[in-house]
C-alpha atoms as a PDB file:
ATOM      1  CA  UNK A   1      21.270 -72.724  -4.055  1.00  0.00           C
ATOM      2  CA  UNK A   2      24.680 -71.185  -3.197  1.00  0.00           C
ATOM      3  CA  UNK A   3      27.238 -72.512  -0.817  1.00  0.00           C
ATOM      4  CA  UNK A   4      28.723 -70.032   1.532  1.00  0.00           C
ATOM      5  CA  UNK A   5      32.182 -68.983   0.621  1.00  0.00           C
ATOM      6  CA  UNK A   6      33.558 -69.947   3.938  1.00  0.00           C
ATOM      7  CA  UNK A   7      31.054 -72.168   5.524  1.00  0.00           C
ATOM      8  CA  UNK A   8      28.351 -74.863   5.644  1.00  0.00           C
ATOM      9  CA  UNK A   9      24.605 -74.223   5.261  1.00  0.00           C
ATOM     10  CA  UNK A  10      21.392 -75.856   6.325  1.00  0.00           C
ATOM     11  CA  UNK A  11      19.524 -77.855   3.743  1.00  0.00           C
ATOM     12  CA  UNK A  12      16.065 -78.490   4.997  1.00  0.00           C
ATOM     13  CA  UNK A  13      13.960 -81.636   4.044  1.00  0.00           C
ATOM     14  CA  UNK A  14      10.229 -81.696   4.715  1.00  0.00           C
ATOM     15  CA  UNK A  15       8.654 -84.640   6.675  1.00  0.00           C
ATOM     16  CA  UNK A  16       7.136 -87.318   4.329  1.00  0.00           C
ATOM     17  CA  UNK A  17       3.705 -86.449   5.628  1.00  0.00           C
ATOM     18  CA  UNK A  18       2.398 -83.243   6.980  1.00  0.00           C
ATOM     19  CA  UNK A  19      -0.897 -81.193   7.348  1.00  0.00           C
ATOM     20  CA  UNK A  20      -0.950 -78.905   4.234  1.00  0.00           C
ATOM     21  CA  UNK A  21      -3.144 -76.520   6.074  1.00  0.00           C
ATOM     22  CA  UNK A  22      -0.623 -75.863   8.978  1.00  0.00           C
ATOM     23  CA  UNK A  23       2.790 -76.699   7.469  1.00  0.00           C
ATOM     24  CA  UNK A  24       3.339 -73.470   5.259  1.00  0.00           C
ATOM     25  CA  UNK A  25       3.356 -71.555   8.595  1.00  0.00           C
ATOM     26  CA  UNK A  26       5.791 -73.951  10.208  1.00  0.00           C
ATOM     27  CA  UNK A  27       8.030 -73.728   7.161  1.00  0.00           C
ATOM     28  CA  UNK A  28       7.943 -69.873   7.366  1.00  0.00           C
ATOM     29  CA  UNK A  29       8.936 -69.844  10.888  1.00  0.00           C
ATOM     30  CA  UNK A  30      11.881 -72.304  10.221  1.00  0.00           C
ATOM     31  CA  UNK A  31      13.228 -70.091   7.322  1.00  0.00           C
ATOM     32  CA  UNK A  32      12.656 -66.761   9.229  1.00  0.00           C
ATOM     33  CA  UNK A  33      14.581 -67.997  12.028  1.00  0.00           C
ATOM     34  CA  UNK A  34      18.137 -68.248  10.528  1.00  0.00           C
ATOM     35  CA  UNK A  35      19.993 -69.124   7.342  1.00  0.00           C
ATOM     36  CA  UNK A  36      18.685 -71.974   5.146  1.00  0.00           C
ATOM     37  CA  UNK A  37      20.010 -72.717   1.757  1.00  0.00           C
ATOM     38  CA  UNK A  38      17.300 -74.909   0.266  1.00  0.00           C
ATOM     39  CA  UNK A  39      14.031 -76.787   1.019  1.00  0.00           C
ATOM     40  CA  UNK A  40      13.528 -80.133  -0.519  1.00  0.00           C
ATOM     41  CA  UNK A  41       9.885 -81.354  -0.654  1.00  0.00           C
ATOM     42  CA  UNK A  42       9.934 -85.062  -0.004  1.00  0.00           C
ATOM     43  CA  UNK A  43       6.709 -87.106  -0.496  1.00  0.00           C
ATOM     44  CA  UNK A  44       6.951 -90.804  -0.723  1.00  0.00           C
ATOM     45  CA  UNK A  45       4.333 -92.559  -2.776  1.00  0.00           C
ATOM     46  CA  UNK A  46       2.039 -89.502  -3.190  1.00  0.00           C
ATOM     47  CA  UNK A  47      -0.203 -88.729  -6.153  1.00  0.00           C
ATOM     48  CA  UNK A  48       0.868 -86.143  -8.680  1.00  0.00           C
ATOM     49  CA  UNK A  49      -2.088 -84.012  -7.466  1.00  0.00           C
ATOM     50  CA  UNK A  50      -0.625 -84.114  -3.908  1.00  0.00           C
ATOM     51  CA  UNK A  51       2.629 -83.207  -5.140  1.00  0.00           C
ATOM     52  CA  UNK A  52       1.184 -80.289  -7.017  1.00  0.00           C
ATOM     53  CA  UNK A  53      -0.851 -78.908  -4.125  1.00  0.00           C
ATOM     54  CA  UNK A  54       2.093 -79.322  -1.745  1.00  0.00           C
ATOM     55  CA  UNK A  55       4.357 -77.418  -4.201  1.00  0.00           C
ATOM     56  CA  UNK A  56       1.737 -74.677  -4.758  1.00  0.00           C
ATOM     57  CA  UNK A  57       1.499 -74.194  -0.938  1.00  0.00           C
ATOM     58  CA  UNK A  58       5.250 -74.449  -0.141  1.00  0.00           C
ATOM     59  CA  UNK A  59       7.111 -73.105  -3.081  1.00  0.00           C
ATOM     60  CA  UNK A  60       6.061 -69.387  -2.550  1.00  0.00           C
ATOM     61  CA  UNK A  61       6.964 -69.488   1.219  1.00  0.00           C
ATOM     62  CA  UNK A  62      10.491 -70.659   0.093  1.00  0.00           C
ATOM     63  CA  UNK A  63      11.162 -68.675  -3.028  1.00  0.00           C
ATOM     64  CA  UNK A  64       9.895 -65.371  -1.540  1.00  0.00           C
ATOM     65  CA  UNK A  65      12.777 -65.756   1.043  1.00  0.00           C
ATOM     66  CA  UNK A  66      15.330 -66.475  -1.654  1.00  0.00           C
ATOM     67  CA  UNK A  67      15.522 -70.073  -0.537  1.00  0.00           C
ATOM     68  CA  UNK A  68      15.895 -72.819  -3.335  1.00  0.00           C
ATOM     69  CA  UNK A  69      12.816 -75.053  -3.477  1.00  0.00           C
ATOM     70  CA  UNK A  70      13.702 -78.667  -4.810  1.00  0.00           C
ATOM     71  CA  UNK A  71      11.519 -81.667  -5.364  1.00  0.00           C
ATOM     72  CA  UNK A  72      12.676 -85.183  -4.291  1.00  0.00           C
ATOM     73  CA  UNK A  73      12.769 -87.596  -7.144  1.00  0.00           C
ATOM     74  CA  UNK A  74       9.999 -85.935  -9.291  1.00  0.00           C
ATOM     75  CA  UNK A  75      12.051 -84.367 -12.070  1.00  0.00           C
ATOM     76  CA  UNK A  76       9.065 -84.591 -14.312  1.00  0.00           C
ATOM     77  CA  UNK A  77       7.153 -82.061 -12.149  1.00  0.00           C
ATOM     78  CA  UNK A  78       9.940 -79.502 -11.599  1.00  0.00           C
ATOM     79  CA  UNK A  79       9.137 -77.185 -14.600  1.00  0.00           C
ATOM     80  CA  UNK A  80       5.434 -77.584 -14.264  1.00  0.00           C
ATOM     81  CA  UNK A  81       5.475 -76.502 -10.656  1.00  0.00           C
ATOM     82  CA  UNK A  82       7.856 -73.718 -10.973  1.00  0.00           C
ATOM     83  CA  UNK A  83      10.293 -75.336  -8.632  1.00  0.00           C
ATOM     84  CA  UNK A  84      14.054 -74.655  -8.567  1.00  0.00           C
ATOM     85  CA  UNK A  85      15.386 -78.163  -9.179  1.00  0.00           C
ATOM     86  CA  UNK A  86      15.237 -81.854  -8.176  1.00  0.00           C
ATOM     87  CA  UNK A  87      17.241 -84.245  -6.015  1.00  0.00           C
ATOM     88  CA  UNK A  88      17.572 -87.841  -7.172  1.00  0.00           C
ATOM     89  CA  UNK A  89      18.549 -91.006  -5.456  1.00  0.00           C
ATOM     90  CA  UNK A  90      20.371 -93.929  -6.921  1.00  0.00           C
ATOM     91  CA  UNK A  91      17.029 -95.981  -7.021  1.00  0.00           C
ATOM     92  CA  UNK A  92      15.180 -93.030  -8.518  1.00  0.00           C
ATOM     93  CA  UNK A  93      15.911 -91.639 -11.915  1.00  0.00           C
ATOM     94  CA  UNK A  94      19.352 -91.522 -13.681  1.00  0.00           C
ATOM     95  CA  UNK A  95      20.953 -88.065 -13.126  1.00  0.00           C
ATOM     96  CA  UNK A  96      21.386 -87.588 -16.932  1.00  0.00           C
ATOM     97  CA  UNK A  97      17.680 -88.132 -17.482  1.00  0.00           C
ATOM     98  CA  UNK A  98      16.771 -85.836 -14.656  1.00  0.00           C
ATOM     99  CA  UNK A  99      19.005 -83.193 -16.194  1.00  0.00           C
ATOM    100  CA  UNK A 100      17.202 -83.645 -19.609  1.00  0.00           C
ATOM    101  CA  UNK A 101      13.827 -83.063 -17.945  1.00  0.00           C
ATOM    102  CA  UNK A 102      14.664 -80.013 -15.947  1.00  0.00           C
ATOM    103  CA  UNK A 103      16.904 -78.290 -18.460  1.00  0.00           C
ATOM    104  CA  UNK A 104      20.424 -76.837 -18.095  1.00  0.00           C
ATOM    105  CA  UNK A 105      19.654 -74.162 -15.648  1.00  0.00           C
ATOM    106  CA  UNK A 106      17.826 -75.616 -12.739  1.00  0.00           C
ATOM    107  CA  UNK A 107      19.487 -77.411  -9.786  1.00  0.00           C
ATOM    108  CA  UNK A 108      20.224 -81.113  -9.828  1.00  0.00           C
ATOM    109  CA  UNK A 109      21.397 -82.918  -6.755  1.00  0.00           C
ATOM    110  CA  UNK A 110      22.448 -86.485  -6.626  1.00  0.00           C
ATOM    111  CA  UNK A 111      22.560 -89.193  -3.727  1.00  0.00           C
ATOM    112  CA  UNK A 112      26.044 -90.946  -3.797  1.00  0.00           C
ATOM    113  CA  UNK A 113      25.772 -92.755  -0.442  1.00  0.00           C
ATOM    114  CA  UNK A 114      29.414 -93.487   0.332  1.00  0.00           C
ATOM    115  CA  UNK A 115      30.722 -94.039  -3.114  1.00  0.00           C
ATOM    116  CA  UNK A 116      33.388 -91.990  -4.682  1.00  0.00           C
ATOM    117  CA  UNK A 117      32.636 -93.545  -8.033  1.00  0.00           C
ATOM    118  CA  UNK A 118      28.915 -92.629  -7.882  1.00  0.00           C
ATOM    119  CA  UNK A 119      29.949 -89.024  -6.881  1.00  0.00           C
ATOM    120  CA  UNK A 120      32.331 -88.704  -9.875  1.00  0.00           C
ATOM    121  CA  UNK A 121      29.766 -90.131 -12.179  1.00  0.00           C
ATOM    122  CA  UNK A 122      27.066 -87.622 -10.810  1.00  0.00           C
ATOM    123  CA  UNK A 123      29.401 -84.924 -11.603  1.00  0.00           C
ATOM    124  CA  UNK A 124      29.915 -86.038 -15.220  1.00  0.00           C
ATOM    125  CA  UNK A 125      26.167 -86.396 -15.590  1.00  0.00           C
ATOM    126  CA  UNK A 126      25.478 -82.748 -14.799  1.00  0.00           C
ATOM    127  CA  UNK A 127      24.915 -82.657 -10.973  1.00  0.00           C
ATOM    128  CA  UNK A 128      25.018 -79.287  -9.239  1.00  0.00           C
ATOM    129  CA  UNK A 129      25.916 -80.872  -5.921  1.00  0.00           C
ATOM    130  CA  UNK A 130      26.424 -84.511  -4.555  1.00  0.00           C
ATOM    131  CA  UNK A 131      25.017 -85.806  -1.357  1.00  0.00           C
ATOM    132  CA  UNK A 132      26.959 -88.343   0.802  1.00  0.00           C
ATOM    133  CA  UNK A 133      25.570 -90.354   3.656  1.00  0.00           C
ATOM    134  CA  UNK A 134      23.977 -91.529   5.893  1.00  0.00           C
ATOM    135  CA  UNK A 135      26.606 -90.539   8.364  1.00  0.00           C
ATOM    136  CA  UNK A 136      24.559 -91.523  11.437  1.00  0.00           C
ATOM    137  CA  UNK A 137      21.534 -93.720  11.961  1.00  0.00           C
ATOM    138  CA  UNK A 138      18.468 -92.084  10.514  1.00  0.00           C
ATOM    139  CA  UNK A 139      14.751 -92.024  11.524  1.00  0.00           C
ATOM    140  CA  UNK A 140      13.615 -91.441   8.028  1.00  0.00           C
ATOM    141  CA  UNK A 141      15.438 -94.221   6.155  1.00  0.00           C
ATOM    142  CA  UNK A 142      16.888 -97.763   6.875  1.00  0.00           C
ATOM    143  CA  UNK A 143      20.719 -97.304   6.827  1.00  0.00           C
ATOM    144  CA  UNK A 144      22.794-100.256   5.668  1.00  0.00           C
ATOM    145  CA  UNK A 145      26.245 -98.784   5.594  1.00  0.00           C
ATOM    146  CA  UNK A 146      27.304 -95.464   7.399  1.00  0.00           C
ATOM    147  CA  UNK A 147      29.501 -93.125   5.526  1.00  0.00           C
ATOM    148  CA  UNK A 148      32.779 -91.888   6.907  1.00  0.00           C
ATOM    149  CA  UNK A 149      33.287 -88.081   7.092  1.00  0.00           C
ATOM    150  CA  UNK A 150      36.593 -88.557   5.405  1.00  0.00           C
ATOM    151  CA  UNK A 151      34.727 -88.898   1.936  1.00  0.00           C
ATOM    152  CA  UNK A 152      33.747 -85.130   2.443  1.00  0.00           C
ATOM    153  CA  UNK A 153      37.239 -84.064   2.922  1.00  0.00           C
ATOM    154  CA  UNK A 154      38.286 -86.182  -0.008  1.00  0.00           C
ATOM    155  CA  UNK A 155      35.735 -84.610  -2.308  1.00  0.00           C
ATOM    156  CA  UNK A 156      36.074 -80.975  -1.087  1.00  0.00           C
ATOM    157  CA  UNK A 157      39.778 -81.077  -1.512  1.00  0.00           C
ATOM    158  CA  UNK A 158      39.428 -82.558  -5.023  1.00  0.00           C
ATOM    159  CA  UNK A 159      36.372 -80.890  -6.578  1.00  0.00           C
ATOM    160  CA  UNK A 160      34.669 -77.572  -6.943  1.00  0.00           C
ATOM    161  CA  UNK A 161      31.181 -79.086  -7.026  1.00  0.00           C
ATOM    162  CA  UNK A 162      29.432 -78.676  -3.585  1.00  0.00           C
ATOM    163  CA  UNK A 163      28.734 -81.647  -1.436  1.00  0.00           C
ATOM    164  CA  UNK A 164      25.915 -82.300   1.087  1.00  0.00           C
ATOM    165  CA  UNK A 165      25.897 -84.517   4.085  1.00  0.00           C
ATOM    166  CA  UNK A 166      22.793 -86.337   5.097  1.00  0.00           C
ATOM    167  CA  UNK A 167      21.564 -88.843   7.564  1.00  0.00           C
ATOM    168  CA  UNK A 168      20.781 -88.505  11.236  1.00  0.00           C
ATOM    169  CA  UNK A 169      22.488 -85.146  11.563  1.00  0.00           C
ATOM    170  CA  UNK A 170      21.882 -83.059  14.736  1.00  0.00           C
ATOM    171  CA  UNK A 171      23.569 -80.047  16.319  1.00  0.00           C
ATOM    172  CA  UNK A 172      25.211 -82.444  18.743  1.00  0.00           C
ATOM    173  CA  UNK A 173      26.962 -84.588  16.009  1.00  0.00           C
ATOM    174  CA  UNK A 174      27.392 -82.311  12.938  1.00  0.00           C
ATOM    175  CA  UNK A 175      30.975 -80.904  13.898  1.00  0.00           C
ATOM    176  CA  UNK A 176      32.933 -83.624  12.246  1.00  0.00           C
ATOM    177  CA  UNK A 177      31.026 -83.074   9.015  1.00  0.00           C
ATOM    178  CA  UNK A 178      31.485 -79.396   9.040  1.00  0.00           C
ATOM    179  CA  UNK A 179      35.091 -79.722   9.683  1.00  0.00           C
ATOM    180  CA  UNK A 180      35.459 -82.241   6.923  1.00  0.00           C
ATOM    181  CA  UNK A 181      34.150 -79.825   4.337  1.00  0.00           C
ATOM    182  CA  UNK A 182      30.557 -80.337   4.007  1.00  0.00           C
ATOM    183  CA  UNK A 183      28.812 -77.413   2.092  1.00  0.00           C
ATOM    184  CA  UNK A 184      25.344 -78.357   3.171  1.00  0.00           C
ATOM    185  CA  UNK A 185      23.872 -80.357   5.995  1.00  0.00           C
ATOM    186  CA  UNK A 186      20.506 -81.990   4.969  1.00  0.00           C
ATOM    187  CA  UNK A 187      18.268 -82.470   7.967  1.00  0.00           C
ATOM    188  CA  UNK A 188      14.733 -83.458   8.863  1.00  0.00           C
ATOM    189  CA  UNK A 189      14.232 -84.672  12.367  1.00  0.00           C
ATOM    190  CA  UNK A 190      16.358 -82.193  14.306  1.00  0.00           C
ATOM    191  CA  UNK A 191      14.328 -79.205  12.962  1.00  0.00           C
ATOM    192  CA  UNK A 192      10.738 -80.476  12.670  1.00  0.00           C
ATOM    193  CA  UNK A 193      10.845 -82.496  15.916  1.00  0.00           C
ATOM    194  CA  UNK A 194      12.633 -79.812  17.910  1.00  0.00           C
ATOM    195  CA  UNK A 195      10.632 -79.320  21.233  1.00  0.00           C
ATOM    196  CA  UNK A 196      10.629 -75.413  20.825  1.00  0.00           C
ATOM    197  CA  UNK A 197       9.489 -75.597  17.205  1.00  0.00           C
ATOM    198  CA  UNK A 198      11.273 -75.629  13.821  1.00  0.00           C
ATOM    199  CA  UNK A 199      12.601 -72.009  14.126  1.00  0.00           C
ATOM    200  CA  UNK A 200      14.641 -73.192  17.287  1.00  0.00           C
ATOM    201  CA  UNK A 201      15.674 -76.216  15.398  1.00  0.00           C
ATOM    202  CA  UNK A 202      17.099 -74.189  12.575  1.00  0.00           C
ATOM    203  CA  UNK A 203      18.849 -71.699  14.987  1.00  0.00           C
ATOM    204  CA  UNK A 204      20.437 -74.569  17.058  1.00  0.00           C
ATOM    205  CA  UNK A 205      21.864 -76.250  13.847  1.00  0.00           C
ATOM    206  CA  UNK A 206      23.301 -72.982  12.658  1.00  0.00           C
ATOM    207  CA  UNK A 207      24.830 -72.290  15.944  1.00  0.00           C
ATOM    208  CA  UNK A 208      26.442 -75.748  15.930  1.00  0.00           C
ATOM    209  CA  UNK A 209      27.655 -75.079  12.495  1.00  0.00           C
ATOM    210  CA  UNK A 210      29.288 -71.771  13.428  1.00  0.00           C
ATOM    211  CA  UNK A 211      30.926 -73.337  16.586  1.00  0.00           C
ATOM    212  CA  UNK A 212      32.461 -76.135  14.517  1.00  0.00           C
ATOM    213  CA  UNK A 213      33.738 -73.978  11.753  1.00  0.00           C
END
């Protein structure tokens, strides 16, 4: 999961629920439309079997296009499912424990909300990228405190480790995050709910990133 030398990339998160018969084709359309750095499978309160079946269906679509395939939270399933890494939140598993489960070579991302201290700790614990947010009200999660884009500028000026912005991001509001130094924009709704389909959603976001850069 590489950051562009000069720019910001799309980081696509799946909806929490989807039709496994149809969704691989929707994912393929999104990835074929324009640049995507990574796909994160996010299933809340799903059984291990559901995680495995979803991984088996979506991982080949993603990896065959040289896009990283990450699991949300389930570090214990990364190696068994052939995934490329895991993203853990502050309420999930400690970053150090996740790193021990996935080994030294796979990707580890850590949610740091709007905290400089959490981000520094994540870097020390072996994270490959840190995620800040939410920057805007989000449809997927209740947001208690919004992050200021300034934290992206502070991090990218100080650290080599890539940073990801998350939370309510759309083509219409992403410019301040791109300009502040985000390496990745993590999105759900603006792609999957796009009226012209997910491919159009990915294209619109990439166009907005290019315009803001």
